[in-house]
Protein backbone atom coordinates (compact mmCIF):
# COMPACT_ATOMS: atom_id res chain seq x y z
CA MET A 1 0.00 0.00 0.00
CA SER A 2 1.36 3.40 -1.01
CA GLN A 3 1.60 6.25 1.49
CA THR A 4 0.45 9.79 0.76
CA ILE A 5 2.85 12.73 0.88
CA GLU A 6 1.24 13.82 4.15
CA GLU A 7 1.86 10.39 5.70
CA ARG A 8 5.49 10.44 4.59
CA LEU A 9 6.01 13.98 5.89
CA TYR A 10 4.78 12.80 9.30
CA THR A 11 7.94 10.68 9.64
CA ILE A 12 10.15 13.79 9.76
CA ARG A 13 10.31 16.68 12.16
CA TYR A 14 10.97 20.23 11.18
CA LYS A 15 11.92 23.11 13.42
CA ALA A 16 10.84 26.11 11.41
CA ASP A 17 12.66 29.39 11.64
CA ASP A 18 10.59 32.57 11.56
CA LYS A 19 12.36 33.52 8.32
CA SER A 20 12.08 31.47 5.14
CA HIS A 21 15.17 29.84 3.66
CA LEU A 22 13.32 29.74 0.30
CA ILE A 23 12.96 33.04 -1.52
CA ILE A 24 11.24 33.80 -4.79
CA THR A 25 13.62 36.30 -6.33
CA ASP A 26 11.14 38.09 -8.60
CA HIS A 27 7.37 37.56 -8.32
CA ASN A 28 6.88 39.07 -11.79
CA VAL A 29 8.73 36.09 -13.24
CA CYS A 30 6.23 33.76 -11.57
CA GLU A 31 3.31 35.76 -12.90
CA ASN A 32 4.62 35.42 -16.45
CA CYS A 33 5.58 31.74 -16.09
CA ARG A 34 3.06 29.79 -18.15
CA ASP A 35 3.40 26.25 -16.75
CA LYS A 36 4.15 27.04 -13.07
CA PRO A 37 6.37 23.92 -12.69
CA CYS A 38 7.18 24.71 -9.06
CA ASN A 39 3.61 23.70 -8.22
CA HIS A 40 4.44 20.19 -9.44
CA PHE A 41 8.13 19.37 -8.92
CA CYS A 42 8.34 19.92 -5.16
CA PRO A 43 7.78 16.59 -3.37
CA SER A 44 6.37 18.30 -0.26
CA ASP A 45 4.06 20.83 -1.93
CA VAL A 46 5.92 23.93 -0.76
CA TYR A 47 4.90 26.11 -3.71
CA LEU A 48 1.33 27.07 -4.63
CA TRP A 49 0.15 29.53 -7.27
CA HIS A 50 -2.83 31.70 -6.27
CA ASP A 51 -4.80 33.00 -9.26
CA VAL A 52 -6.64 35.70 -7.30
CA GLU A 53 -3.52 37.24 -5.73
CA ARG A 54 -1.42 36.48 -8.85
CA MET A 55 1.47 35.17 -6.78
CA THR A 56 3.15 32.00 -5.58
CA SER A 57 3.06 31.26 -1.86
CA VAL A 58 5.96 29.46 -0.21
CA ALA A 59 5.17 27.10 2.69
CA TYR A 60 8.82 26.74 3.72
CA GLU A 61 7.76 24.90 6.86
CA ASN A 62 7.06 21.84 4.67
CA CYS A 63 10.47 21.87 2.95
CA ILE A 64 12.42 18.61 3.15
CA GLU A 65 15.61 20.34 1.94
CA CYS A 66 15.99 18.22 -1.19
CA GLY A 67 17.09 21.20 -3.32
CA THR A 68 14.83 20.34 -6.26
CA CYS A 69 13.47 23.87 -6.48
CA ARG A 70 16.83 25.51 -7.07
CA LEU A 71 17.45 23.21 -10.02
CA ALA A 72 13.99 22.68 -11.52
CA CYS A 73 12.75 26.25 -11.83
CA PRO A 74 13.37 27.02 -15.52
CA TYR A 75 14.04 30.68 -14.66
CA TYR A 76 16.24 30.02 -11.60
CA ASN A 77 13.87 32.29 -9.70
CA ILE A 78 14.01 30.43 -6.39
CA GLU A 79 16.85 31.15 -3.98
CA TRP A 80 17.47 28.16 -1.72
CA VAL A 81 19.85 28.17 1.24
CA TYR A 82 20.25 25.82 4.16
CA PRO A 83 18.23 26.86 7.21
CA LYS A 84 20.38 28.52 9.85
CA GLY A 85 21.84 26.37 12.63
CA GLY A 86 19.35 24.59 14.87
CA TYR A 87 16.55 24.85 12.33
CA GLY A 88 15.43 22.65 9.49
CA ILE A 89 14.64 19.01 9.02
CA THR A 90 15.26 16.13 11.42
CA TYR A 91 14.57 12.61 10.26
CA ARG A 92 12.61 10.49 12.68
CA TYR A 93 13.72 7.09 11.35
CA GLY A 94 17.38 6.95 10.50
């Protein structure tokens, strides 16, 4: 039986900083991006496009620090850095 993303995310712990380690460099780039791939490539659903506000929200608290976003954005519009010391992901099993 396959687990959902939410069930898999439950196996990790994340101590979120009050400042995001994921930054969209230019929101105008996102507005003009036709396919919005960041809504699909992130395995923990960090990025979400909002049609009404015409912007992408970043739920950095869900980030599993895989680095996919810094490589998969075709415009290199996402700045990704490691969370500062004491913050970030902790794996529960292993």
